[in-house]
Amino acid sequence: MTPVALAWLARHGLPGWLLPDYFKLAVIAALVGSALALRLCEQVGASRVHTARAIACAYVGALAGGYAFEAMRAVPAAVAAGSWGPILHAGRAAYGGLLFGMGAAALYLRAARQPVAPFFDAVAVGTGLTFTLVRTGCFLAGCDYGLPTTLPWGVRFPPGSLAALDHARRGFVPRGAASLPVHPTQLYEAAVGLVAAALAAWTLARGRRGGRAFAVSLAVYAVGRFAVELVRGDQERGHALGLSTAQWVSVGIAAALALVAVLRREAVRPTARRSN
């Protein structure tokens, strides 16, 4: 959508630099998320210094993990082709960035002998907003598009976009034409990020700590991402047993959160019995 947006700015006499691209929005997301986390440190009982360092580790892990996740998924294709090409040209995966980023931050905090739960509460709101900004960047870049739709909010991506090229290759539209109207799945996921951020903020406002705010944000994103995947149109996402790779990760995250909730509840029961 970037060419369309740039043309609109030009028609109205506005400079093109007003339109942020994917990478600018990713940087803005990093700055906004970090600022919010540092502001919430005192409220959730996290060290500001160690939070800043853990965030730095998380971003490095997220950048590496986004590529590593897709590279690992491309291994079977590379073996079948007898070439490193699928691995070397792997894209980026949002879930890879999230999981590796979480792991990098947790490893740093463990090494620094700092509690993990307060840190994740501090970054819960910013994580949701990060997904919102990054997925808005995806919309402008035209990646991660949806299935064709007749709904009134369907979006036609311009000629040369990934959706238009895919639809031309599949015979849906002539070569050089715009895509069919498709679900704006990038904006759906951006909305999921906003809901996750809002519910995480609500959880913190209620005084619930111990990583609960981040668990709420993560649960909302996992459920929302599973649903959005149902109307994704790009084919190169990986599938197994009728579910996409992201859907399987969503199921895994939901199961892990449910297990943690059960274990936490079981740990509280003996204490409640002794107090009685």
C-alpha atoms as a PDB file:
ATOM      1  CA  MET A   1       0.000   0.000   0.000  1.00  0.00           C
ATOM      2  CA  THR A   2       3.005   2.312   0.243  1.00  0.00           C
ATOM      3  CA  PRO A   3       2.813   3.491  -3.421  1.00  0.00           C
ATOM      4  CA  VAL A   4      -0.894   4.301  -2.980  1.00  0.00           C
ATOM      5  CA  ALA A   5      -0.249   6.218   0.232  1.00  0.00           C
ATOM      6  CA  LEU A   6       2.662   8.113  -1.325  1.00  0.00           C
ATOM      7  CA  ALA A   7       0.485   9.080  -4.301  1.00  0.00           C
ATOM      8  CA  TRP A   8      -2.180  10.372  -1.912  1.00  0.00           C
ATOM      9  CA  LEU A   9       0.405  12.483  -0.062  1.00  0.00           C
ATOM     10  CA  ALA A  10       1.711  13.878  -3.354  1.00  0.00           C
ATOM     11  CA  ARG A  11      -1.800  14.811  -4.529  1.00  0.00           C
ATOM     12  CA  HIS A  12      -2.290  16.785  -1.333  1.00  0.00           C
ATOM     13  CA  GLY A  13       1.117  18.489  -1.495  1.00  0.00           C
ATOM     14  CA  LEU A  14       2.514  16.590   1.478  1.00  0.00           C
ATOM     15  CA  PRO A  15       6.091  15.230   1.690  1.00  0.00           C
ATOM     16  CA  GLY A  16       6.657  11.501   1.378  1.00  0.00           C
ATOM     17  CA  TRP A  17       8.686  11.308   4.583  1.00  0.00           C
ATOM     18  CA  LEU A  18       5.452  11.676   6.545  1.00  0.00           C
ATOM     19  CA  LEU A  19       4.679   8.044   5.650  1.00  0.00           C
ATOM     20  CA  PRO A  20       6.650   5.644   7.844  1.00  0.00           C
ATOM     21  CA  ASP A  21       7.695   2.353   6.275  1.00  0.00           C
ATOM     22  CA  TYR A  22       7.911  -1.053   7.942  1.00  0.00           C
ATOM     23  CA  PHE A  23      11.364  -0.503   9.435  1.00  0.00           C
ATOM     24  CA  LYS A  24      10.546   2.977  10.735  1.00  0.00           C
ATOM     25  CA  LEU A  25       7.444   1.628  12.439  1.00  0.00           C
ATOM     26  CA  ALA A  26       9.494  -1.223  13.909  1.00  0.00           C
ATOM     27  CA  VAL A  27      11.929   1.308  15.379  1.00  0.00           C
ATOM     28  CA  ILE A  28       9.058   3.433  16.705  1.00  0.00           C
ATOM     29  CA  ALA A  29       7.553   0.296  18.245  1.00  0.00           C
ATOM     30  CA  ALA A  30      10.844  -0.503  19.976  1.00  0.00           C
ATOM     31  CA  LEU A  31      11.130   3.020  21.403  1.00  0.00           C
ATOM     32  CA  VAL A  32       7.486   3.195  22.533  1.00  0.00           C
ATOM     33  CA  GLY A  33       7.592  -0.273  24.091  1.00  0.00           C
ATOM     34  CA  SER A  34      10.829   0.475  25.919  1.00  0.00           C
ATOM     35  CA  ALA A  35       9.591   3.830  27.224  1.00  0.00           C
ATOM     36  CA  LEU A  36       6.393   2.273  28.568  1.00  0.00           C
ATOM     37  CA  ALA A  37       8.264  -0.584  30.223  1.00  0.00           C
ATOM     38  CA  LEU A  38      10.722   1.747  31.951  1.00  0.00           C
ATOM     39  CA  ARG A  39       7.853   3.916  33.128  1.00  0.00           C
ATOM     40  CA  LEU A  40       6.092   0.897  34.649  1.00  0.00           C
ATOM     41  CA  CYS A  41       9.165  -0.518  36.391  1.00  0.00           C
ATOM     42  CA  GLU A  42       8.503   1.059  39.783  1.00  0.00           C
ATOM     43  CA  GLN A  43       4.813   0.116  39.670  1.00  0.00           C
ATOM     44  CA  VAL A  44       5.506  -3.586  39.103  1.00  0.00           C
ATOM     45  CA  GLY A  45       8.627  -3.832  41.263  1.00  0.00           C
ATOM     46  CA  ALA A  46      11.247  -4.283  38.548  1.00  0.00           C
ATOM     47  CA  SER A  47      14.731  -2.765  38.444  1.00  0.00           C
ATOM     48  CA  ARG A  48      14.935   0.015  35.860  1.00  0.00           C
ATOM     49  CA  VAL A  49      18.562  -0.748  35.017  1.00  0.00           C
ATOM     50  CA  HIS A  50      18.033  -4.470  34.604  1.00  0.00           C
ATOM     51  CA  THR A  51      14.782  -3.892  32.717  1.00  0.00           C
ATOM     52  CA  ALA A  52      16.639  -1.712  30.206  1.00  0.00           C
ATOM     53  CA  ARG A  53      19.314  -4.370  29.770  1.00  0.00           C
ATOM     54  CA  ALA A  54      16.773  -7.164  29.466  1.00  0.00           C
ATOM     55  CA  ILE A  55      14.897  -5.157  26.814  1.00  0.00           C
ATOM     56  CA  ALA A  56      18.135  -4.778  24.849  1.00  0.00           C
ATOM     57  CA  CYS A  57      18.670  -8.545  25.049  1.00  0.00           C
ATOM     58  CA  ALA A  58      15.055  -9.120  24.016  1.00  0.00           C
ATOM     59  CA  TYR A  59      15.379  -6.968  20.902  1.00  0.00           C
ATOM     60  CA  VAL A  60      18.585  -8.708  19.843  1.00  0.00           C
ATOM     61  CA  GLY A  61      16.901 -12.053  20.448  1.00  0.00           C
ATOM     62  CA  ALA A  62      13.805 -10.955  18.531  1.00  0.00           C
ATOM     63  CA  LEU A  63      15.817  -9.829  15.511  1.00  0.00           C
ATOM     64  CA  ALA A  64      17.750 -13.096  15.429  1.00  0.00           C
ATOM     65  CA  GLY A  65      14.745 -15.224  16.309  1.00  0.00           C
ATOM     66  CA  GLY A  66      12.533 -13.837  13.571  1.00  0.00           C
ATOM     67  CA  TYR A  67      15.002 -15.124  10.981  1.00  0.00           C
ATOM     68  CA  ALA A  68      15.990 -18.291  12.887  1.00  0.00           C
ATOM     69  CA  PHE A  69      12.370 -19.427  13.232  1.00  0.00           C
ATOM     70  CA  GLU A  70      11.787 -19.203   9.479  1.00  0.00           C
ATOM     71  CA  ALA A  71      15.193 -20.724   8.709  1.00  0.00           C
ATOM     72  CA  MET A  72      14.383 -23.768  10.846  1.00  0.00           C
ATOM     73  CA  ARG A  73      11.019 -24.095   9.137  1.00  0.00           C
ATOM     74  CA  ALA A  74      12.785 -24.004   5.763  1.00  0.00           C
ATOM     75  CA  VAL A  75      15.103 -26.936   6.563  1.00  0.00           C
ATOM     76  CA  PRO A  76      12.836 -29.646   5.050  1.00  0.00           C
ATOM     77  CA  ALA A  77      12.517 -27.628   1.823  1.00  0.00           C
ATOM     78  CA  ALA A  78      16.291 -27.141   1.724  1.00  0.00           C
ATOM     79  CA  VAL A  79      16.893 -30.862   2.195  1.00  0.00           C
ATOM     80  CA  ALA A  80      14.352 -31.728  -0.505  1.00  0.00           C
ATOM     81  CA  ALA A  81      15.930 -29.246  -2.927  1.00  0.00           C
ATOM     82  CA  GLY A  82      19.501 -30.150  -2.000  1.00  0.00           C
ATOM     83  CA  SER A  83      20.226 -26.436  -1.662  1.00  0.00           C
ATOM     84  CA  TRP A  84      20.847 -23.848   1.069  1.00  0.00           C
ATOM     85  CA  GLY A  85      18.632 -21.400  -0.849  1.00  0.00           C
ATOM     86  CA  PRO A  86      15.426 -21.867   1.175  1.00  0.00           C
ATOM     87  CA  ILE A  87      17.350 -21.307   4.419  1.00  0.00           C
ATOM     88  CA  LEU A  88      19.423 -18.368   3.181  1.00  0.00           C
ATOM     89  CA  HIS A  89      16.340 -16.626   1.793  1.00  0.00           C
ATOM     90  CA  ALA A  90      14.034 -17.297   4.719  1.00  0.00           C
ATOM     91  CA  GLY A  91      11.865 -14.379   5.783  1.00  0.00           C
ATOM     92  CA  ARG A  92      10.970 -13.242   9.286  1.00  0.00           C
ATOM     93  CA  ALA A  93       8.378 -14.669  11.653  1.00  0.00           C
ATOM     94  CA  ALA A  94       6.604 -12.609  14.299  1.00  0.00           C
ATOM     95  CA  TYR A  95       6.309 -15.602  16.593  1.00  0.00           C
ATOM     96  CA  GLY A  96      10.010 -16.351  16.215  1.00  0.00           C
ATOM     97  CA  GLY A  97      10.828 -12.810  17.298  1.00  0.00           C
ATOM     98  CA  LEU A  98       8.450 -13.031  20.254  1.00  0.00           C
ATOM     99  CA  LEU A  99       9.636 -16.401  21.545  1.00  0.00           C
ATOM    100  CA  PHE A 100      13.350 -15.758  21.087  1.00  0.00           C
ATOM    101  CA  GLY A 101      12.986 -12.269  22.558  1.00  0.00           C
ATOM    102  CA  MET A 102      11.245 -13.656  25.638  1.00  0.00           C
ATOM    103  CA  GLY A 103      13.936 -16.301  26.012  1.00  0.00           C
ATOM    104  CA  ALA A 104      16.813 -13.825  25.677  1.00  0.00           C
ATOM    105  CA  ALA A 105      15.311 -11.505  28.302  1.00  0.00           C
ATOM    106  CA  ALA A 106      14.615 -14.374  30.700  1.00  0.00           C
ATOM    107  CA  LEU A 107      18.166 -15.721  30.336  1.00  0.00           C
ATOM    108  CA  TYR A 108      19.637 -12.308  31.108  1.00  0.00           C
ATOM    109  CA  LEU A 109      17.426 -11.828  34.159  1.00  0.00           C
ATOM    110  CA  ARG A 110      18.289 -15.277  35.486  1.00  0.00           C
ATOM    111  CA  ALA A 111      21.994 -14.600  34.990  1.00  0.00           C
ATOM    112  CA  ALA A 112      21.621 -11.245  36.782  1.00  0.00           C
ATOM    113  CA  ARG A 113      19.604 -12.929  39.582  1.00  0.00           C
ATOM    114  CA  GLN A 114      16.622 -10.703  38.952  1.00  0.00           C
ATOM    115  CA  PRO A 115      12.947 -11.765  39.144  1.00  0.00           C
ATOM    116  CA  VAL A 116      11.466 -12.544  35.752  1.00  0.00           C
ATOM    117  CA  ALA A 117       7.745 -11.937  36.372  1.00  0.00           C
ATOM    118  CA  PRO A 118       7.973  -8.178  37.155  1.00  0.00           C
ATOM    119  CA  PHE A 119       9.919  -7.582  33.960  1.00  0.00           C
ATOM    120  CA  PHE A 120       7.286  -9.283  31.824  1.00  0.00           C
ATOM    121  CA  ASP A 121       4.543  -7.315  33.566  1.00  0.00           C
ATOM    122  CA  ALA A 122       6.457  -4.134  32.722  1.00  0.00           C
ATOM    123  CA  VAL A 123       6.685  -4.986  29.021  1.00  0.00           C
ATOM    124  CA  ALA A 124       3.149  -6.397  28.647  1.00  0.00           C
ATOM    125  CA  VAL A 125       1.477  -3.210  27.400  1.00  0.00           C
ATOM    126  CA  GLY A 126       4.379  -2.293  25.134  1.00  0.00           C
ATOM    127  CA  THR A 127       4.429  -5.758  23.587  1.00  0.00           C
ATOM    128  CA  GLY A 128       0.825  -5.384  22.420  1.00  0.00           C
ATOM    129  CA  LEU A 129       1.497  -1.933  20.997  1.00  0.00           C
ATOM    130  CA  THR A 130       4.615  -3.258  19.282  1.00  0.00           C
ATOM    131  CA  PHE A 131       2.531  -5.814  17.395  1.00  0.00           C
ATOM    132  CA  THR A 132       0.103  -3.050  16.431  1.00  0.00           C
ATOM    133  CA  LEU A 133       2.790  -0.829  14.943  1.00  0.00           C
ATOM    134  CA  VAL A 134       4.740  -3.634  13.269  1.00  0.00           C
ATOM    135  CA  ARG A 135       1.627  -5.109  11.660  1.00  0.00           C
ATOM    136  CA  THR A 136       0.639  -1.660  10.425  1.00  0.00           C
ATOM    137  CA  GLY A 137       4.047  -1.627   8.757  1.00  0.00           C
ATOM    138  CA  CYS A 138       3.243  -5.005   7.217  1.00  0.00           C
ATOM    139  CA  PHE A 139       0.052  -3.523   5.778  1.00  0.00           C
ATOM    140  CA  LEU A 140       1.989  -0.676   4.168  1.00  0.00           C
ATOM    141  CA  ALA A 141       4.576  -3.141   2.833  1.00  0.00           C
ATOM    142  CA  GLY A 142       1.849  -5.435   1.468  1.00  0.00           C
ATOM    143  CA  CYS A 143       3.088  -8.633   3.113  1.00  0.00           C
ATOM    144  CA  ASP A 144       1.027 -11.103   5.181  1.00  0.00           C
ATOM    145  CA  TYR A 145      -2.102 -10.338   3.141  1.00  0.00           C
ATOM    146  CA  GLY A 146      -5.425 -12.157   3.453  1.00  0.00           C
ATOM    147  CA  LEU A 147      -7.684 -14.329   1.352  1.00  0.00           C
ATOM    148  CA  PRO A 148      -9.904 -12.751  -1.322  1.00  0.00           C
ATOM    149  CA  THR A 149     -13.134 -11.383   0.141  1.00  0.00           C
ATOM    150  CA  THR A 150     -16.321  -9.627  -0.942  1.00  0.00           C
ATOM    151  CA  LEU A 151     -16.643  -7.802   2.368  1.00  0.00           C
ATOM    152  CA  PRO A 152     -16.816  -3.995   2.038  1.00  0.00           C
ATOM    153  CA  TRP A 153     -13.510  -3.474   3.850  1.00  0.00           C
ATOM    154  CA  GLY A 154     -11.567  -5.741   1.498  1.00  0.00           C
ATOM    155  CA  VAL A 155      -8.353  -4.107   0.260  1.00  0.00           C
ATOM    156  CA  ARG A 156      -6.951  -4.230  -3.289  1.00  0.00           C
ATOM    157  CA  PHE A 157      -3.165  -4.118  -3.204  1.00  0.00           C
ATOM    158  CA  PRO A 158      -1.533  -2.268  -6.123  1.00  0.00           C
ATOM    159  CA  PRO A 159       0.209  -3.835  -9.147  1.00  0.00           C
ATOM    160  CA  GLY A 160       3.593  -5.266  -8.226  1.00  0.00           C
ATOM    161  CA  SER A 161       2.610  -5.956  -4.621  1.00  0.00           C
ATOM    162  CA  LEU A 162       3.021  -9.457  -3.209  1.00  0.00           C
ATOM    163  CA  ALA A 163      -0.738 -10.036  -3.267  1.00  0.00           C
ATOM    164  CA  ALA A 164      -1.061  -8.828  -6.878  1.00  0.00           C
ATOM    165  CA  LEU A 165       1.865 -10.987  -8.032  1.00  0.00           C
ATOM    166  CA  ASP A 166       0.449 -14.015  -6.212  1.00  0.00           C
ATOM    167  CA  HIS A 167      -3.018 -13.511  -7.683  1.00  0.00           C
ATOM    168  CA  ALA A 168      -1.578 -13.082 -11.179  1.00  0.00           C
ATOM    169  CA  ARG A 169       0.488 -16.258 -10.770  1.00  0.00           C
ATOM    170  CA  ARG A 170      -2.630 -18.157  -9.728  1.00  0.00           C
ATOM    171  CA  GLY A 171      -4.677 -16.746 -12.609  1.00  0.00           C
ATOM    172  CA  PHE A 172      -6.998 -14.625 -10.458  1.00  0.00           C
ATOM    173  CA  VAL A 173      -6.067 -11.348 -12.186  1.00  0.00           C
ATOM    174  CA  PRO A 174      -4.114 -10.377 -15.338  1.00  0.00           C
ATOM    175  CA  ARG A 175      -0.417  -9.673 -14.956  1.00  0.00           C
ATOM    176  CA  GLY A 176       0.209  -6.032 -14.108  1.00  0.00           C
ATOM    177  CA  ALA A 177      -3.198  -5.631 -12.446  1.00  0.00           C
ATOM    178  CA  ALA A 178      -4.025  -4.911  -8.824  1.00  0.00           C
ATOM    179  CA  SER A 179      -4.926  -7.800  -6.553  1.00  0.00           C
ATOM    180  CA  LEU A 180      -8.435  -8.956  -5.818  1.00  0.00           C
ATOM    181  CA  PRO A 181      -9.963  -7.404  -2.675  1.00  0.00           C
ATOM    182  CA  VAL A 182      -8.471  -9.304   0.261  1.00  0.00           C
ATOM    183  CA  HIS A 183      -8.893  -9.398   4.007  1.00  0.00           C
ATOM    184  CA  PRO A 184      -6.592  -6.755   5.590  1.00  0.00           C
ATOM    185  CA  THR A 185      -5.197  -9.391   7.940  1.00  0.00           C
ATOM    186  CA  GLN A 186      -2.342  -7.094   8.930  1.00  0.00           C
ATOM    187  CA  LEU A 187      -4.857  -4.617  10.356  1.00  0.00           C
ATOM    188  CA  TYR A 188      -6.805  -7.426  12.033  1.00  0.00           C
ATOM    189  CA  GLU A 189      -3.623  -8.416  13.847  1.00  0.00           C
ATOM    190  CA  ALA A 190      -2.846  -4.774  14.639  1.00  0.00           C
ATOM    191  CA  ALA A 191      -6.264  -4.609  16.312  1.00  0.00           C
ATOM    192  CA  VAL A 192      -5.453  -7.772  18.277  1.00  0.00           C
ATOM    193  CA  GLY A 193      -2.315  -6.030  19.535  1.00  0.00           C
ATOM    194  CA  LEU A 194      -4.373  -3.066  20.708  1.00  0.00           C
ATOM    195  CA  VAL A 195      -6.780  -5.346  22.583  1.00  0.00           C
ATOM    196  CA  ALA A 196      -3.846  -7.201  24.161  1.00  0.00           C
ATOM    197  CA  ALA A 197      -2.260  -3.917  25.290  1.00  0.00           C
ATOM    198  CA  ALA A 198      -5.563  -2.605  26.687  1.00  0.00           C
ATOM    199  CA  LEU A 199      -6.288  -5.773  28.676  1.00  0.00           C
ATOM    200  CA  ALA A 200      -2.718  -5.883  29.991  1.00  0.00           C
ATOM    201  CA  ALA A 201      -3.069  -2.265  31.167  1.00  0.00           C
ATOM    202  CA  TRP A 202      -6.420  -3.137  32.793  1.00  0.00           C
ATOM    203  CA  THR A 203      -4.806  -6.088  34.580  1.00  0.00           C
ATOM    204  CA  LEU A 204      -2.028  -3.865  35.933  1.00  0.00           C
ATOM    205  CA  ALA A 205      -4.553  -1.217  36.996  1.00  0.00           C
ATOM    206  CA  ARG A 206      -6.318  -3.861  39.079  1.00  0.00           C
ATOM    207  CA  GLY A 207      -3.055  -4.506  40.904  1.00  0.00           C
ATOM    208  CA  ARG A 208      -2.527  -8.018  39.582  1.00  0.00           C
ATOM    209  CA  ARG A 209       1.173  -8.865  39.388  1.00  0.00           C
ATOM    210  CA  GLY A 210       3.349 -11.961  39.119  1.00  0.00           C
ATOM    211  CA  GLY A 211       3.431 -11.954  35.336  1.00  0.00           C
ATOM    212  CA  ARG A 212      -0.356 -11.953  34.968  1.00  0.00           C
ATOM    213  CA  ALA A 213      -0.471  -8.857  32.775  1.00  0.00           C
ATOM    214  CA  PHE A 214       1.943 -10.418  30.301  1.00  0.00           C
ATOM    215  CA  ALA A 215       0.045 -13.720  30.424  1.00  0.00           C
ATOM    216  CA  VAL A 216      -3.164 -11.868  29.526  1.00  0.00           C
ATOM    217  CA  SER A 217      -1.456 -10.055  26.659  1.00  0.00           C
ATOM    218  CA  LEU A 218       0.090 -13.272  25.376  1.00  0.00           C
ATOM    219  CA  ALA A 219      -3.185 -15.207  25.626  1.00  0.00           C
ATOM    220  CA  VAL A 220      -5.082 -12.525  23.694  1.00  0.00           C
ATOM    221  CA  TYR A 221      -2.440 -12.478  20.985  1.00  0.00           C
ATOM    222  CA  ALA A 222      -2.345 -16.281  20.701  1.00  0.00           C
ATOM    223  CA  VAL A 223      -6.138 -16.538  20.317  1.00  0.00           C
ATOM    224  CA  GLY A 224      -6.279 -13.571  17.951  1.00  0.00           C
ATOM    225  CA  ARG A 225      -3.399 -14.822  15.831  1.00  0.00           C
ATOM    226  CA  PHE A 226      -5.003 -18.269  15.533  1.00  0.00           C
ATOM    227  CA  ALA A 227      -8.196 -16.631  14.263  1.00  0.00           C
ATOM    228  CA  VAL A 228      -6.419 -14.281  11.843  1.00  0.00           C
ATOM    229  CA  GLU A 229      -4.545 -17.217  10.324  1.00  0.00           C
ATOM    230  CA  LEU A 230      -7.896 -18.605   9.134  1.00  0.00           C
ATOM    231  CA  VAL A 231      -8.150 -15.793   6.567  1.00  0.00           C
ATOM    232  CA  ARG A 232      -4.480 -15.382   5.656  1.00  0.00           C
ATOM    233  CA  GLY A 233      -3.886 -15.640   1.919  1.00  0.00           C
ATOM    234  CA  ASP A 234      -0.100 -15.891   1.568  1.00  0.00           C
ATOM    235  CA  GLN A 235       0.793 -19.528   0.976  1.00  0.00           C
ATOM    236  CA  GLU A 236       4.387 -19.762   2.237  1.00  0.00           C
ATOM    237  CA  ARG A 237       3.617 -20.086   5.942  1.00  0.00           C
ATOM    238  CA  GLY A 238       4.052 -23.768   6.640  1.00  0.00           C
ATOM    239  CA  HIS A 239       1.197 -26.181   7.418  1.00  0.00           C
ATOM    240  CA  ALA A 240       0.790 -29.455   9.292  1.00  0.00           C
ATOM    241  CA  LEU A 241      -2.376 -31.455   9.975  1.00  0.00           C
ATOM    242  CA  GLY A 242      -4.591 -28.661   8.692  1.00  0.00           C
ATOM    243  CA  LEU A 243      -3.063 -25.885  10.816  1.00  0.00           C
ATOM    244  CA  SER A 244      -0.455 -23.294   9.949  1.00  0.00           C
ATOM    245  CA  THR A 245       2.820 -23.057  11.836  1.00  0.00           C
ATOM    246  CA  ALA A 246       1.583 -19.945  13.652  1.00  0.00           C
ATOM    247  CA  GLN A 247      -1.609 -21.730  14.677  1.00  0.00           C
ATOM    248  CA  TRP A 248       0.389 -24.590  16.175  1.00  0.00           C
ATOM    249  CA  VAL A 249       2.499 -22.075  18.085  1.00  0.00           C
ATOM    250  CA  SER A 250      -0.708 -20.378  19.276  1.00  0.00           C
ATOM    251  CA  VAL A 251      -2.001 -23.738  20.522  1.00  0.00           C
ATOM    252  CA  GLY A 252       1.315 -24.374  22.298  1.00  0.00           C
ATOM    253  CA  ILE A 253       1.255 -20.963  23.980  1.00  0.00           C
ATOM    254  CA  ALA A 254      -2.359 -21.409  25.101  1.00  0.00           C
ATOM    255  CA  ALA A 255      -1.537 -24.856  26.518  1.00  0.00           C
ATOM    256  CA  ALA A 256       1.538 -23.516  28.331  1.00  0.00           C
ATOM    257  CA  LEU A 257      -0.432 -20.639  29.857  1.00  0.00           C
ATOM    258  CA  ALA A 258      -3.180 -23.033  30.968  1.00  0.00           C
ATOM    259  CA  LEU A 259      -0.591 -25.325  32.582  1.00  0.00           C
ATOM    260  CA  VAL A 260       1.036 -22.416  34.433  1.00  0.00           C
ATOM    261  CA  ALA A 261      -2.382 -21.283  35.694  1.00  0.00           C
ATOM    262  CA  VAL A 262      -3.167 -24.790  36.996  1.00  0.00           C
ATOM    263  CA  LEU A 263       0.223 -25.145  38.682  1.00  0.00           C
ATOM    264  CA  ARG A 264      -0.130 -21.719  40.290  1.00  0.00           C
ATOM    265  CA  ARG A 265      -3.585 -22.605  41.581  1.00  0.00           C
ATOM    266  CA  GLU A 266      -2.325 -25.912  43.003  1.00  0.00           C
ATOM    267  CA  ALA A 267       0.550 -24.107  44.720  1.00  0.00           C
ATOM    268  CA  VAL A 268      -1.879 -21.708  46.409  1.00  0.00           C
ATOM    269  CA  ARG A 269      -4.222 -24.408  47.761  1.00  0.00           C
ATOM    270  CA  PRO A 270      -1.858 -25.860  50.436  1.00  0.00           C
ATOM    271  CA  THR A 271      -1.199 -22.360  51.746  1.00  0.00           C
ATOM    272  CA  ALA A 272      -4.946 -21.660  51.950  1.00  0.00           C
ATOM    273  CA  ARG A 273      -5.526 -24.950  53.810  1.00  0.00           C
ATOM    274  CA  ARG A 274      -2.795 -24.220  56.362  1.00  0.00           C
ATOM    275  CA  SER A 275      -4.208 -20.737  56.997  1.00  0.00           C
ATOM    276  CA  ASN A 276      -7.609 -22.295  57.715  1.00  0.00           C
END
